[in-house]
Structures are given as C-alpha cells and as structure tokens.
Amino acid sequence: MSARVLYGFHAVTVRLKTAPESVLEVHVDGARRDARMRQFVERAAAAGARIVDSDGARLDRLAGTARHQGVVARVLPLAPRHSLDDVLDDAEAAGRGPALVLVLDGVTDPHNLGACLRVADGAGAHAVIAPRDHAVGLNATVAKVASGAAETVPYLMVTNLARTLGELKERGLAVVGTADDAPRTLYEASLARPVALVLGAEGPGMRQLTRRTCDELVRIPMAGAVESLNVSVAAGVCLFEARRQRLAAAPAAAAPTAPAATAAA
C-alpha cells in the first residue's frame, strides 16, 4: 500500500489523533524550535510517531510546496469511507440530529474543496458529496486547507449525482439547490428538517440535470455590488443557516408538553 503525504500542523495533528497507527513518519523542520513546534513534536511522540528532523529543502520536496509550516507526514491511506447509507445510518444512530449533507457539483479547485470540508465540519454536516467526474479528489492541498476536516468529514464521490440525489430523497431528505435566479431566499427555506444543500461551482453553477433534480431552489440575498460568492463562502452561509435553524428548533422540540387546561368547575 503506497503512502501519501499530509502537511501542515492541523492536517497532521488530526491524523495523529484519529489514526495514529497510519502515520509512518513525521518530518519536522529541525531549525524550528518555537513553542508551537515543541508542542507538536511532543504530541507526535506521545502518539508513537517516528519523528525525523529535516531541512527546508527536503520538506519542500516531500510536500511539493513550501507552504508546509515545517511539518510533513508520510501516512498510509485510510480505509475507504462507508457508503452514504452507512454514513447517514451511523449519524442517526449516534443521535446527531436531522441529516445535513453538502453536495458540490463541479467544484474542481482543491482550495475550494478544502475550505468546504472545513466549513462542513464546523457546521456539523454528516457528509460532503461530489460527482466522480466533475470534482477534485482528496489530496495534500485539500487536506492542508481543510485543517483536519478531510479526516473527519466523509467525502463521498459518486458515479451518478442525480441518482444519488434521488436516493437522498427516498431517505426523506429535501434536496435544496442554490441559484442566483431562485424566487425564494435561503432564509425562507426550512432547513431544520433532513436536508441536502446543493451548490455549484462559482460561475457556471449547478449542471442542468442537477438543478432539475432539486426539490426547490433558493438564493443567498446579496446586498453589495458583487453578484455571487465563492463556493466555500456560500457553503458556509448555507450550512450555518441550517445550523441556526436547528439550534432554534431544539429547545421547542425538547420542551415538555404543557398539560391540557381543565375547565373550572
């Protein structure tokens, strides 16, 4: 099994926490002795990782970039993610609330994907879905930008996105797409229910078949001169609006039912 590379403090730290046995070795900048690096080395040693002092040139070669923060790890690939049904079943069994899925149609930039995964983790999304032939896969750049979320949020690449959206509907999820010309705003949509939020790439947006498969379309109301947001920013707006609605609905759902009033004698 061939090793892959992770780099950056966040990405490597999350792998050390979640799957330390998969970390073959951690290369660190031997010239860096600041508090953050010392704490990281202590954490890596406590996880049982093999630590290698390396110079900047070697780290650059290993990571394929100079933006590694002095930390590069060689790791074994993790076992493939379970199916979408397994992911949603596990979330339901764990009591993680109504299903919340982010669907990305046509996002091919690794920086955008990494930022979307980070937002999805922060908002408590259960999975991120993308079509296999119109998306970027997980790579070192995605992992670095995701700051560890590439290890915690299931990223599922599917062969037929429209069919997968149909399967989500069969599970009771509403499929809500975003489009600049939608008649309703995001804030008018009901997102406390099980929902899949569908976003397209900045510019072209969703493909037509994806758009037709959505149950409803909403737009993010824009107050300034720009016409659209970067997809990762739009994902953050949509996912955290869903989270806001769920938090607002939670106290009402948890509140005990008041006893029926009885007529005075």
C-alpha atoms as a PDB file:
ATOM      1  CA  MET A   1       0.000   0.000   0.000  1.00  0.00           C
ATOM      2  CA  SER A   2       1.606   3.255  -1.138  1.00  0.00           C
ATOM      3  CA  ALA A   3       1.976   6.118   1.319  1.00  0.00           C
ATOM      4  CA  ARG A   4       0.537   9.581   0.807  1.00  0.00           C
ATOM      5  CA  VAL A   5       1.633  12.926   2.170  1.00  0.00           C
ATOM      6  CA  LEU A   6      -0.052  15.265   4.630  1.00  0.00           C
ATOM      7  CA  TYR A   7       1.426  18.603   5.592  1.00  0.00           C
ATOM      8  CA  GLY A   8       0.693  21.471   7.954  1.00  0.00           C
ATOM      9  CA  PHE A   9       0.086  21.436  11.707  1.00  0.00           C
ATOM     10  CA  HIS A  10      -3.695  20.969  11.602  1.00  0.00           C
ATOM     11  CA  ALA A  11      -3.845  18.206   8.997  1.00  0.00           C
ATOM     12  CA  VAL A  12      -1.090  16.118  10.588  1.00  0.00           C
ATOM     13  CA  THR A  13      -2.343  16.676  14.150  1.00  0.00           C
ATOM     14  CA  VAL A  14      -5.825  15.427  13.275  1.00  0.00           C
ATOM     15  CA  ARG A  15      -4.376  12.284  11.663  1.00  0.00           C
ATOM     16  CA  LEU A  16      -2.277  11.675  14.792  1.00  0.00           C
ATOM     17  CA  LYS A  17      -5.454  11.946  16.870  1.00  0.00           C
ATOM     18  CA  THR A  18      -7.769   9.899  14.679  1.00  0.00           C
ATOM     19  CA  ALA A  19      -5.497   7.209  13.192  1.00  0.00           C
ATOM     20  CA  PRO A  20      -2.002   7.312  14.756  1.00  0.00           C
ATOM     21  CA  GLU A  21      -1.227   3.794  13.542  1.00  0.00           C
ATOM     22  CA  SER A  22      -1.420   5.054   9.939  1.00  0.00           C
ATOM     23  CA  VAL A  23       1.376   7.617  10.417  1.00  0.00           C
ATOM     24  CA  LEU A  24       4.633   6.165   9.085  1.00  0.00           C
ATOM     25  CA  GLU A  25       6.858   9.118   9.952  1.00  0.00           C
ATOM     26  CA  VAL A  26       6.674  12.817  10.651  1.00  0.00           C
ATOM     27  CA  HIS A  27       9.298  15.144   9.186  1.00  0.00           C
ATOM     28  CA  VAL A  28       9.783  18.418  11.057  1.00  0.00           C
ATOM     29  CA  ASP A  29      11.928  21.449  10.395  1.00  0.00           C
ATOM     30  CA  GLY A  30      14.994  20.866  12.571  1.00  0.00           C
ATOM     31  CA  ALA A  31      15.751  24.588  12.644  1.00  0.00           C
ATOM     32  CA  ARG A  32      12.367  25.485  14.111  1.00  0.00           C
ATOM     33  CA  ARG A  33      12.280  25.456  17.910  1.00  0.00           C
ATOM     34  CA  ASP A  34       9.319  27.704  18.759  1.00  0.00           C
ATOM     35  CA  ALA A  35       6.617  26.722  21.254  1.00  0.00           C
ATOM     36  CA  ARG A  36       4.158  25.542  18.608  1.00  0.00           C
ATOM     37  CA  MET A  37       6.697  23.181  17.091  1.00  0.00           C
ATOM     38  CA  ARG A  38       7.783  21.876  20.510  1.00  0.00           C
ATOM     39  CA  GLN A  39       4.179  21.141  21.455  1.00  0.00           C
ATOM     40  CA  PHE A  40       3.579  19.416  18.132  1.00  0.00           C
ATOM     41  CA  VAL A  41       6.671  17.210  18.478  1.00  0.00           C
ATOM     42  CA  GLU A  42       5.581  16.236  21.987  1.00  0.00           C
ATOM     43  CA  ARG A  43       2.122  15.310  20.693  1.00  0.00           C
ATOM     44  CA  ALA A  44       3.577  13.304  17.803  1.00  0.00           C
ATOM     45  CA  ALA A  45       5.958  11.466  20.124  1.00  0.00           C
ATOM     46  CA  ALA A  46       3.116  10.671  22.527  1.00  0.00           C
ATOM     47  CA  ALA A  47       1.187   9.171  19.601  1.00  0.00           C
ATOM     48  CA  GLY A  48       4.139   6.893  18.840  1.00  0.00           C
ATOM     49  CA  ALA A  49       5.106   8.520  15.552  1.00  0.00           C
ATOM     50  CA  ARG A  50       8.639   8.294  14.165  1.00  0.00           C
ATOM     51  CA  ILE A  51       9.983  11.843  14.069  1.00  0.00           C
ATOM     52  CA  VAL A  52      12.608  12.886  11.523  1.00  0.00           C
ATOM     53  CA  ASP A  53      14.485  16.198  11.637  1.00  0.00           C
ATOM     54  CA  SER A  54      14.633  17.577   8.090  1.00  0.00           C
ATOM     55  CA  ASP A  55      15.782  20.771   6.449  1.00  0.00           C
ATOM     56  CA  GLY A  56      13.573  23.142   4.478  1.00  0.00           C
ATOM     57  CA  ALA A  57      14.597  21.832   1.070  1.00  0.00           C
ATOM     58  CA  ARG A  58      13.701  18.254   1.946  1.00  0.00           C
ATOM     59  CA  LEU A  59      10.362  19.323   3.407  1.00  0.00           C
ATOM     60  CA  ASP A  60       9.602  21.279   0.244  1.00  0.00           C
ATOM     61  CA  ARG A  61      10.315  18.193  -1.881  1.00  0.00           C
ATOM     62  CA  LEU A  62       8.210  15.914   0.296  1.00  0.00           C
ATOM     63  CA  ALA A  63       5.221  18.257   0.389  1.00  0.00           C
ATOM     64  CA  GLY A  64       5.548  19.518  -3.182  1.00  0.00           C
ATOM     65  CA  THR A  65       5.123  23.036  -1.839  1.00  0.00           C
ATOM     66  CA  ALA A  66       6.811  25.436   0.567  1.00  0.00           C
ATOM     67  CA  ARG A  67       3.541  26.005   2.470  1.00  0.00           C
ATOM     68  CA  HIS A  68       4.005  23.115   4.912  1.00  0.00           C
ATOM     69  CA  GLN A  69       4.703  25.090   8.121  1.00  0.00           C
ATOM     70  CA  GLY A  70       7.703  22.854   8.792  1.00  0.00           C
ATOM     71  CA  VAL A  71       5.589  19.699   9.234  1.00  0.00           C
ATOM     72  CA  VAL A  72       5.230  16.903   6.657  1.00  0.00           C
ATOM     73  CA  ALA A  73       3.960  13.383   7.386  1.00  0.00           C
ATOM     74  CA  ARG A  74       4.049  10.200   5.332  1.00  0.00           C
ATOM     75  CA  VAL A  75       0.879   8.263   6.085  1.00  0.00           C
ATOM     76  CA  LEU A  76      -0.944   5.183   4.907  1.00  0.00           C
ATOM     77  CA  PRO A  77      -4.272   5.819   3.190  1.00  0.00           C
ATOM     78  CA  LEU A  78      -7.234   5.237   5.464  1.00  0.00           C
ATOM     79  CA  ALA A  79      -9.785   2.582   4.647  1.00  0.00           C
ATOM     80  CA  PRO A  80     -12.370   3.748   2.105  1.00  0.00           C
ATOM     81  CA  ARG A  81     -15.347   5.602   3.503  1.00  0.00           C
ATOM     82  CA  HIS A  82     -18.517   3.614   4.031  1.00  0.00           C
ATOM     83  CA  SER A  83     -21.441   4.075   1.692  1.00  0.00           C
ATOM     84  CA  LEU A  84     -23.710   7.094   2.004  1.00  0.00           C
ATOM     85  CA  ASP A  85     -26.356   4.898   3.636  1.00  0.00           C
ATOM     86  CA  ASP A  86     -23.825   3.752   6.241  1.00  0.00           C
ATOM     87  CA  VAL A  87     -22.746   7.322   6.982  1.00  0.00           C
ATOM     88  CA  LEU A  88     -26.323   8.520   7.463  1.00  0.00           C
ATOM     89  CA  ASP A  89     -27.307   5.412   9.451  1.00  0.00           C
ATOM     90  CA  ASP A  90     -24.339   5.942  11.793  1.00  0.00           C
ATOM     91  CA  ALA A  91     -25.217   9.619  12.273  1.00  0.00           C
ATOM     92  CA  GLU A  92     -28.831   8.710  13.026  1.00  0.00           C
ATOM     93  CA  ALA A  93     -27.804   6.008  15.492  1.00  0.00           C
ATOM     94  CA  ALA A  94     -25.474   8.463  17.235  1.00  0.00           C
ATOM     95  CA  GLY A  95     -28.311  10.969  17.649  1.00  0.00           C
ATOM     96  CA  ARG A  96     -26.600  13.684  15.620  1.00  0.00           C
ATOM     97  CA  GLY A  97     -29.850  15.323  14.622  1.00  0.00           C
ATOM     98  CA  PRO A  98     -31.603  15.525  11.251  1.00  0.00           C
ATOM     99  CA  ALA A  99     -29.397  14.632   8.299  1.00  0.00           C
ATOM    100  CA  LEU A 100     -27.376  17.534   6.871  1.00  0.00           C
ATOM    101  CA  VAL A 101     -25.449  16.867   3.659  1.00  0.00           C
ATOM    102  CA  LEU A 102     -23.460  19.247   1.472  1.00  0.00           C
ATOM    103  CA  VAL A 103     -23.457  18.423  -2.245  1.00  0.00           C
ATOM    104  CA  LEU A 104     -20.872  20.068  -4.514  1.00  0.00           C
ATOM    105  CA  ASP A 105     -21.489  19.954  -8.256  1.00  0.00           C
ATOM    106  CA  GLY A 106     -18.496  20.925 -10.383  1.00  0.00           C
ATOM    107  CA  VAL A 107     -16.064  22.090  -7.676  1.00  0.00           C
ATOM    108  CA  THR A 108     -12.644  21.222  -9.082  1.00  0.00           C
ATOM    109  CA  ASP A 109     -10.335  23.563  -7.152  1.00  0.00           C
ATOM    110  CA  PRO A 110      -8.612  21.827  -4.198  1.00  0.00           C
ATOM    111  CA  HIS A 111      -8.527  25.043  -2.153  1.00  0.00           C
ATOM    112  CA  ASN A 112     -12.296  25.415  -2.506  1.00  0.00           C
ATOM    113  CA  LEU A 113     -12.898  21.781  -1.595  1.00  0.00           C
ATOM    114  CA  GLY A 114     -10.642  22.036   1.450  1.00  0.00           C
ATOM    115  CA  ALA A 115     -12.467  25.156   2.633  1.00  0.00           C
ATOM    116  CA  CYS A 116     -15.853  23.475   2.057  1.00  0.00           C
ATOM    117  CA  LEU A 117     -14.796  20.465   4.142  1.00  0.00           C
ATOM    118  CA  ARG A 118     -13.647  22.759   6.926  1.00  0.00           C
ATOM    119  CA  VAL A 119     -16.983  24.585   6.911  1.00  0.00           C
ATOM    120  CA  ALA A 120     -18.891  21.293   6.784  1.00  0.00           C
ATOM    121  CA  ASP A 121     -17.034  20.046   9.847  1.00  0.00           C
ATOM    122  CA  GLY A 122     -17.728  23.262  11.747  1.00  0.00           C
ATOM    123  CA  ALA A 123     -21.439  23.211  10.913  1.00  0.00           C
ATOM    124  CA  GLY A 124     -21.862  19.543  11.808  1.00  0.00           C
ATOM    125  CA  ALA A 125     -22.631  18.260   8.310  1.00  0.00           C
ATOM    126  CA  HIS A 126     -22.761  14.489   8.115  1.00  0.00           C
ATOM    127  CA  ALA A 127     -21.134  14.173   4.687  1.00  0.00           C
ATOM    128  CA  VAL A 128     -19.971  16.018   1.576  1.00  0.00           C
ATOM    129  CA  ILE A 129     -20.891  14.505  -1.779  1.00  0.00           C
ATOM    130  CA  ALA A 130     -19.451  15.231  -5.228  1.00  0.00           C
ATOM    131  CA  PRO A 131     -19.685  13.604  -8.677  1.00  0.00           C
ATOM    132  CA  ARG A 132     -16.668  11.497  -9.528  1.00  0.00           C
ATOM    133  CA  ASP A 133     -16.184  13.061 -12.969  1.00  0.00           C
ATOM    134  CA  HIS A 134     -16.733  16.739 -12.066  1.00  0.00           C
ATOM    135  CA  ALA A 135     -14.799  17.189  -8.844  1.00  0.00           C
ATOM    136  CA  VAL A 136     -11.375  17.186  -7.262  1.00  0.00           C
ATOM    137  CA  GLY A 137     -10.335  14.246  -5.106  1.00  0.00           C
ATOM    138  CA  LEU A 138      -8.701  14.374  -1.697  1.00  0.00           C
ATOM    139  CA  ASN A 139      -5.051  15.348  -1.970  1.00  0.00           C
ATOM    140  CA  ALA A 140      -2.405  17.034   0.174  1.00  0.00           C
ATOM    141  CA  THR A 141      -3.574  20.530  -0.779  1.00  0.00           C
ATOM    142  CA  VAL A 142      -7.168  19.726   0.157  1.00  0.00           C
ATOM    143  CA  ALA A 143      -6.035  18.264   3.486  1.00  0.00           C
ATOM    144  CA  LYS A 144      -3.896  21.318   4.268  1.00  0.00           C
ATOM    145  CA  VAL A 145      -6.678  23.819   3.530  1.00  0.00           C
ATOM    146  CA  ALA A 146      -9.255  21.681   5.364  1.00  0.00           C
ATOM    147  CA  SER A 147      -7.181  21.948   8.577  1.00  0.00           C
ATOM    148  CA  GLY A 148      -8.030  18.389   9.591  1.00  0.00           C
ATOM    149  CA  ALA A 149     -11.606  18.258   8.323  1.00  0.00           C
ATOM    150  CA  ALA A 150     -10.573  15.971   5.445  1.00  0.00           C
ATOM    151  CA  GLU A 151     -10.021  13.334   8.142  1.00  0.00           C
ATOM    152  CA  THR A 152     -13.320  13.909   9.973  1.00  0.00           C
ATOM    153  CA  VAL A 153     -15.963  14.635   7.326  1.00  0.00           C
ATOM    154  CA  PRO A 154     -16.865  11.777   4.959  1.00  0.00           C
ATOM    155  CA  TYR A 155     -16.198  12.896   1.385  1.00  0.00           C
ATOM    156  CA  LEU A 156     -18.092  10.633  -0.986  1.00  0.00           C
ATOM    157  CA  MET A 157     -17.533  10.744  -4.737  1.00  0.00           C
ATOM    158  CA  VAL A 158     -20.422   9.183  -6.631  1.00  0.00           C
ATOM    159  CA  THR A 159     -20.773   7.970 -10.195  1.00  0.00           C
ATOM    160  CA  ASN A 160     -24.208   9.465 -10.865  1.00  0.00           C
ATOM    161  CA  LEU A 161     -25.059  12.578  -8.861  1.00  0.00           C
ATOM    162  CA  ALA A 162     -28.691  12.816  -9.990  1.00  0.00           C
ATOM    163  CA  ARG A 163     -29.307   9.213  -8.949  1.00  0.00           C
ATOM    164  CA  THR A 164     -27.658   9.857  -5.570  1.00  0.00           C
ATOM    165  CA  LEU A 165     -29.883  12.893  -5.019  1.00  0.00           C
ATOM    166  CA  GLY A 166     -32.862  10.646  -5.776  1.00  0.00           C
ATOM    167  CA  GLU A 167     -31.645   8.180  -3.153  1.00  0.00           C
ATOM    168  CA  LEU A 168     -31.383  11.002  -0.628  1.00  0.00           C
ATOM    169  CA  LYS A 169     -34.988  11.907  -1.368  1.00  0.00           C
ATOM    170  CA  GLU A 170     -36.005   8.295  -0.750  1.00  0.00           C
ATOM    171  CA  ARG A 171     -34.377   8.575   2.683  1.00  0.00           C
ATOM    172  CA  GLY A 172     -36.561  11.603   3.417  1.00  0.00           C
ATOM    173  CA  LEU A 173     -34.059  14.385   2.737  1.00  0.00           C
ATOM    174  CA  ALA A 174     -35.211  17.524   0.967  1.00  0.00           C
ATOM    175  CA  VAL A 175     -32.813  18.493  -1.835  1.00  0.00           C
ATOM    176  CA  VAL A 176     -32.349  22.266  -1.778  1.00  0.00           C
ATOM    177  CA  GLY A 177     -30.233  23.825  -4.509  1.00  0.00           C
ATOM    178  CA  THR A 178     -28.771  27.311  -4.686  1.00  0.00           C
ATOM    179  CA  ALA A 179     -29.204  29.521  -7.736  1.00  0.00           C
ATOM    180  CA  ASP A 180     -28.883  33.257  -8.270  1.00  0.00           C
ATOM    181  CA  ASP A 181     -32.283  33.379 -10.024  1.00  0.00           C
ATOM    182  CA  ALA A 182     -34.225  31.411  -7.418  1.00  0.00           C
ATOM    183  CA  PRO A 183     -37.533  33.012  -6.367  1.00  0.00           C
ATOM    184  CA  ARG A 184     -37.043  32.465  -2.617  1.00  0.00           C
ATOM    185  CA  THR A 185     -34.128  33.340  -0.368  1.00  0.00           C
ATOM    186  CA  LEU A 186     -32.157  30.912   1.757  1.00  0.00           C
ATOM    187  CA  TYR A 187     -33.729  32.418   4.878  1.00  0.00           C
ATOM    188  CA  GLU A 188     -37.224  31.459   3.713  1.00  0.00           C
ATOM    189  CA  ALA A 189     -36.313  27.783   3.354  1.00  0.00           C
ATOM    190  CA  SER A 190     -36.981  25.178   6.044  1.00  0.00           C
ATOM    191  CA  LEU A 191     -33.547  23.749   6.886  1.00  0.00           C
ATOM    192  CA  ALA A 192     -34.216  22.216  10.301  1.00  0.00           C
ATOM    193  CA  ARG A 193     -35.581  19.105   8.568  1.00  0.00           C
ATOM    194  CA  PRO A 194     -33.315  16.475   6.942  1.00  0.00           C
ATOM    195  CA  VAL A 195     -31.787  18.294   4.004  1.00  0.00           C
ATOM    196  CA  ALA A 196     -29.134  18.125   1.295  1.00  0.00           C
ATOM    197  CA  LEU A 197     -27.800  21.527   0.252  1.00  0.00           C
ATOM    198  CA  VAL A 198     -26.563  21.597  -3.343  1.00  0.00           C
ATOM    199  CA  LEU A 199     -24.035  24.171  -4.549  1.00  0.00           C
ATOM    200  CA  GLY A 200     -22.419  24.517  -7.943  1.00  0.00           C
ATOM    201  CA  ALA A 201     -19.064  25.949  -8.886  1.00  0.00           C
ATOM    202  CA  GLU A 202     -18.706  29.726  -8.917  1.00  0.00           C
ATOM    203  CA  GLY A 203     -19.650  30.964 -12.364  1.00  0.00           C
ATOM    204  CA  PRO A 204     -21.385  28.052 -14.117  1.00  0.00           C
ATOM    205  CA  GLY A 205     -23.293  26.928 -11.022  1.00  0.00           C
ATOM    206  CA  MET A 206     -25.068  23.582 -10.969  1.00  0.00           C
ATOM    207  CA  ARG A 207     -25.456  21.495 -14.080  1.00  0.00           C
ATOM    208  CA  GLN A 208     -28.968  21.493 -15.548  1.00  0.00           C
ATOM    209  CA  LEU A 209     -29.733  17.878 -14.608  1.00  0.00           C
ATOM    210  CA  THR A 210     -28.678  18.568 -11.028  1.00  0.00           C
ATOM    211  CA  ARG A 211     -30.827  21.686 -10.950  1.00  0.00           C
ATOM    212  CA  ARG A 212     -33.887  19.803 -12.242  1.00  0.00           C
ATOM    213  CA  THR A 213     -33.402  17.128  -9.583  1.00  0.00           C
ATOM    214  CA  CYS A 214     -33.646  19.624  -6.702  1.00  0.00           C
ATOM    215  CA  ASP A 215     -36.914  19.862  -4.772  1.00  0.00           C
ATOM    216  CA  GLU A 216     -36.548  23.630  -4.513  1.00  0.00           C
ATOM    217  CA  LEU A 217     -34.102  26.392  -5.342  1.00  0.00           C
ATOM    218  CA  VAL A 218     -33.066  29.247  -3.057  1.00  0.00           C
ATOM    219  CA  ARG A 219     -30.706  32.190  -3.370  1.00  0.00           C
ATOM    220  CA  ILE A 220     -28.410  33.992  -0.976  1.00  0.00           C
ATOM    221  CA  PRO A 221     -29.590  37.619  -0.958  1.00  0.00           C
ATOM    222  CA  MET A 222     -26.747  39.882  -1.991  1.00  0.00           C
ATOM    223  CA  ALA A 223     -26.671  43.486  -0.766  1.00  0.00           C
ATOM    224  CA  GLY A 224     -23.487  44.704  -2.473  1.00  0.00           C
ATOM    225  CA  ALA A 225     -22.150  45.080  -5.985  1.00  0.00           C
ATOM    226  CA  VAL A 226     -20.835  41.528  -6.430  1.00  0.00           C
ATOM    227  CA  GLU A 227     -23.256  39.027  -7.922  1.00  0.00           C
ATOM    228  CA  SER A 228     -22.060  35.812  -6.286  1.00  0.00           C
ATOM    229  CA  LEU A 229     -19.897  34.342  -3.543  1.00  0.00           C
ATOM    230  CA  ASN A 230     -17.012  31.907  -3.650  1.00  0.00           C
ATOM    231  CA  VAL A 231     -18.447  28.406  -3.278  1.00  0.00           C
ATOM    232  CA  SER A 232     -16.804  27.802   0.087  1.00  0.00           C
ATOM    233  CA  VAL A 233     -18.193  31.086   1.442  1.00  0.00           C
ATOM    234  CA  ALA A 234     -21.643  30.222   0.069  1.00  0.00           C
ATOM    235  CA  ALA A 235     -21.378  26.780   1.661  1.00  0.00           C
ATOM    236  CA  GLY A 236     -20.612  28.421   4.995  1.00  0.00           C
ATOM    237  CA  VAL A 237     -23.612  30.749   4.724  1.00  0.00           C
ATOM    238  CA  CYS A 238     -25.963  27.880   3.835  1.00  0.00           C
ATOM    239  CA  LEU A 239     -24.697  25.315   6.334  1.00  0.00           C
ATOM    240  CA  PHE A 240     -24.639  27.705   9.257  1.00  0.00           C
ATOM    241  CA  GLU A 241     -28.139  28.952   8.428  1.00  0.00           C
ATOM    242  CA  ALA A 242     -29.206  25.302   8.664  1.00  0.00           C
ATOM    243  CA  ARG A 243     -27.393  25.018  11.975  1.00  0.00           C
ATOM    244  CA  ARG A 244     -29.007  28.228  13.247  1.00  0.00           C
ATOM    245  CA  GLN A 245     -32.468  26.928  12.401  1.00  0.00           C
ATOM    246  CA  ARG A 246     -31.740  23.596  14.090  1.00  0.00           C
ATOM    247  CA  LEU A 247     -30.483  25.238  17.261  1.00  0.00           C
ATOM    248  CA  ALA A 248     -33.569  27.452  17.323  1.00  0.00           C
ATOM    249  CA  ALA A 249     -35.838  24.440  16.882  1.00  0.00           C
ATOM    250  CA  ALA A 250     -34.087  22.300  19.500  1.00  0.00           C
ATOM    251  CA  PRO A 251     -35.470  23.994  22.658  1.00  0.00           C
ATOM    252  CA  ALA A 252     -39.012  23.733  21.315  1.00  0.00           C
ATOM    253  CA  ALA A 253     -38.528  20.069  20.492  1.00  0.00           C
ATOM    254  CA  ALA A 254     -37.057  19.339  23.908  1.00  0.00           C
ATOM    255  CA  ALA A 255     -39.606  21.326  25.916  1.00  0.00           C
ATOM    256  CA  PRO A 256     -42.157  19.228  27.813  1.00  0.00           C
ATOM    257  CA  THR A 257     -45.718  19.421  26.612  1.00  0.00           C
ATOM    258  CA  ALA A 258     -47.861  21.507  28.913  1.00  0.00           C
ATOM    259  CA  PRO A 259     -50.852  19.676  30.399  1.00  0.00           C
ATOM    260  CA  ALA A 260     -54.171  20.483  28.850  1.00  0.00           C
ATOM    261  CA  ALA A 261     -56.122  23.133  30.708  1.00  0.00           C
ATOM    262  CA  THR A 262     -59.194  21.908  32.525  1.00  0.00           C
ATOM    263  CA  ALA A 263     -62.384  23.863  32.693  1.00  0.00           C
ATOM    264  CA  ALA A 264     -63.190  25.433  36.022  1.00  0.00           C
ATOM    265  CA  ALA A 265     -65.938  23.703  37.912  1.00  0.00           C
END
